[in-house]
Protein backbone atom coordinates (compact mmCIF):
# COMPACT_ATOMS: atom_id res chain seq x y z
CA MET A 1 -31.54 23.78 14.62
CA SER A 2 -28.28 23.05 16.42
CA ASP A 3 -26.90 19.57 16.87
CA LYS A 4 -27.46 19.63 20.64
CA SER A 5 -31.13 20.56 20.33
CA PHE A 6 -31.66 17.92 17.64
CA ASP A 7 -30.05 15.27 19.87
CA ASP A 8 -32.32 16.31 22.73
CA PHE A 9 -35.37 16.23 20.43
CA LEU A 10 -34.44 12.79 19.13
CA ALA A 11 -33.88 11.42 22.64
CA GLN A 12 -37.28 12.73 23.74
CA GLN A 13 -39.03 11.20 20.74
CA LEU A 14 -37.39 7.84 21.26
CA GLN A 15 -38.31 7.82 24.95
CA ARG A 16 -41.88 8.85 24.23
CA ASN A 17 -42.41 6.32 21.41
CA ASN A 18 -41.09 3.23 23.16
CA ASN A 19 -43.83 0.96 21.86
CA TYR A 20 -42.64 -2.62 21.37
CA ILE A 21 -44.37 -4.58 18.63
CA GLU A 22 -44.80 -8.20 19.68
CA ASP A 23 -43.48 -10.57 17.03
CA ASP A 24 -44.30 -13.92 18.69
CA GLY A 25 -40.62 -14.89 18.88
CA PHE A 26 -39.89 -14.17 15.20
CA ALA A 27 -36.75 -12.11 15.88
CA ALA A 28 -35.39 -14.71 18.33
CA ASN A 29 -36.12 -17.47 15.81
CA VAL A 30 -34.32 -15.61 13.04
CA MET A 31 -31.30 -14.97 15.28
CA ALA A 32 -31.21 -18.64 16.29
CA ASN A 33 -31.27 -19.77 12.64
CA LEU A 34 -28.46 -17.52 11.45
CA PRO A 35 -25.40 -19.49 10.28
CA VAL A 36 -22.54 -19.80 12.74
CA LYS A 37 -19.51 -17.73 11.80
CA GLN A 38 -16.78 -20.12 10.74
CA ARG A 39 -13.23 -19.39 11.72
CA LEU A 40 -10.30 -19.99 9.45
CA ASN A 41 -7.71 -22.58 10.27
CA PRO A 42 -5.17 -20.91 12.64
CA TRP A 43 -2.32 -21.84 10.30
CA LEU A 44 -4.14 -20.24 7.38
CA GLU A 45 -4.70 -17.06 9.43
CA ARG A 46 -0.99 -16.94 10.22
CA LEU A 47 -0.10 -17.55 6.58
CA ILE A 48 -2.39 -14.75 5.44
CA LEU A 49 -0.64 -12.40 7.88
CA ALA A 50 2.90 -13.69 7.33
CA ALA A 51 2.92 -13.68 3.51
CA PRO A 52 2.55 -9.90 2.98
CA VAL A 53 4.83 -9.11 5.93
CA THR A 54 7.51 -11.39 4.48
CA LEU A 55 7.16 -9.89 1.01
CA ILE A 56 7.45 -6.35 2.38
CA ALA A 57 10.46 -7.32 4.49
CA LEU A 58 12.16 -8.85 1.46
CA LEU A 59 11.41 -5.76 -0.59
CA VAL A 60 12.93 -3.53 2.08
CA ALA A 61 15.93 -5.85 2.47
CA SER A 62 16.52 -5.82 -1.28
CA GLN A 63 16.98 -2.04 -1.13
CA LEU A 64 19.69 -2.13 1.55
CA PRO A 65 23.32 -1.44 0.52
CA TRP A 66 24.50 -5.00 1.27
CA ARG A 67 28.06 -4.47 0.02
CA ASP A 68 28.57 -1.57 2.38
CA LEU A 69 27.22 -3.66 5.24
CA VAL A 70 29.12 -6.88 4.49
CA ARG A 71 32.49 -5.43 3.45
CA PRO A 72 33.60 -4.32 6.99
CA ALA A 73 32.54 -7.65 8.50
CA TYR A 74 34.38 -9.56 5.80
CA GLY A 75 37.48 -7.41 6.32
CA TRP A 76 37.33 -8.08 10.08
CA LEU A 77 36.97 -11.81 9.39
CA LEU A 78 40.06 -11.83 7.14
CA THR A 79 42.23 -9.84 9.54
CA SER A 80 41.13 -11.42 12.83
CA THR A 81 43.06 -13.96 14.85
CA ASP A 82 41.89 -17.41 15.87
CA THR A 83 41.25 -16.21 19.41
CA SER A 84 38.94 -13.40 18.35
CA LEU A 85 37.07 -15.75 16.00
CA MET A 86 36.56 -18.27 18.82
CA LEU A 87 35.36 -15.47 21.10
CA ALA A 88 32.86 -14.30 18.46
CA VAL A 89 31.57 -17.87 17.91
CA ALA A 90 31.26 -18.43 21.67
CA SER A 91 29.38 -15.14 22.06
CA VAL A 92 26.91 -16.04 19.32
CA MET A 93 26.40 -19.51 20.81
CA LEU A 94 25.78 -17.99 24.25
CA MET A 95 23.18 -15.64 22.78
CA VAL A 96 21.51 -18.51 20.90
CA VAL A 97 21.13 -20.39 24.19
CA THR A 98 20.39 -17.47 26.53
CA VAL A 99 17.69 -15.61 24.60
CA PRO A 100 15.30 -18.58 24.18
CA LEU A 101 15.95 -19.64 27.78
CA LEU A 102 15.03 -16.18 29.06
CA TRP A 103 11.96 -16.15 26.82
CA VAL A 104 10.76 -19.51 28.19
CA LEU A 105 11.42 -18.48 31.80
CA ARG A 106 9.59 -15.20 31.32
CA ARG A 107 6.57 -16.96 29.79
CA SER A 108 6.42 -19.43 32.67
CA SER A 109 6.58 -16.51 35.15
CA SER A 110 9.67 -17.93 36.82
CA LEU A 111 11.66 -14.79 36.11
C-alpha cells in the first residue's frame, strides 16, 4: 500500500468515524486546572543565554595570536606624533558619541 493511498484511507476513516463522546465538561475542567506555565525572571533568561556565549567568545579570543595583532598597533603608537595621536583619540570619541546616537534615533524612528 503506497503512502498516498494510506493517507486517503486514513482521511476517509477519520471523516466517517467522527463520533464525539460527551464527557460532561471533563476535558475543559482538566484544561482549566492545569498549572500555569511560569516564566523565568528576564534577567535570569539573559544570564542563561549570555554565560555560554561569553565563555565561547573568551575561548575563541584566547586562541587568537594577540602578539601579532598588538605589535603593529604598539609600533604605530611609539612612532606616531602628537597630532596623529590626537586625531586618533578624537576619531574614537566621535565614534563613541555617534554610534549610540544613531542607534537611539533609529529606534525612535526619527531617522
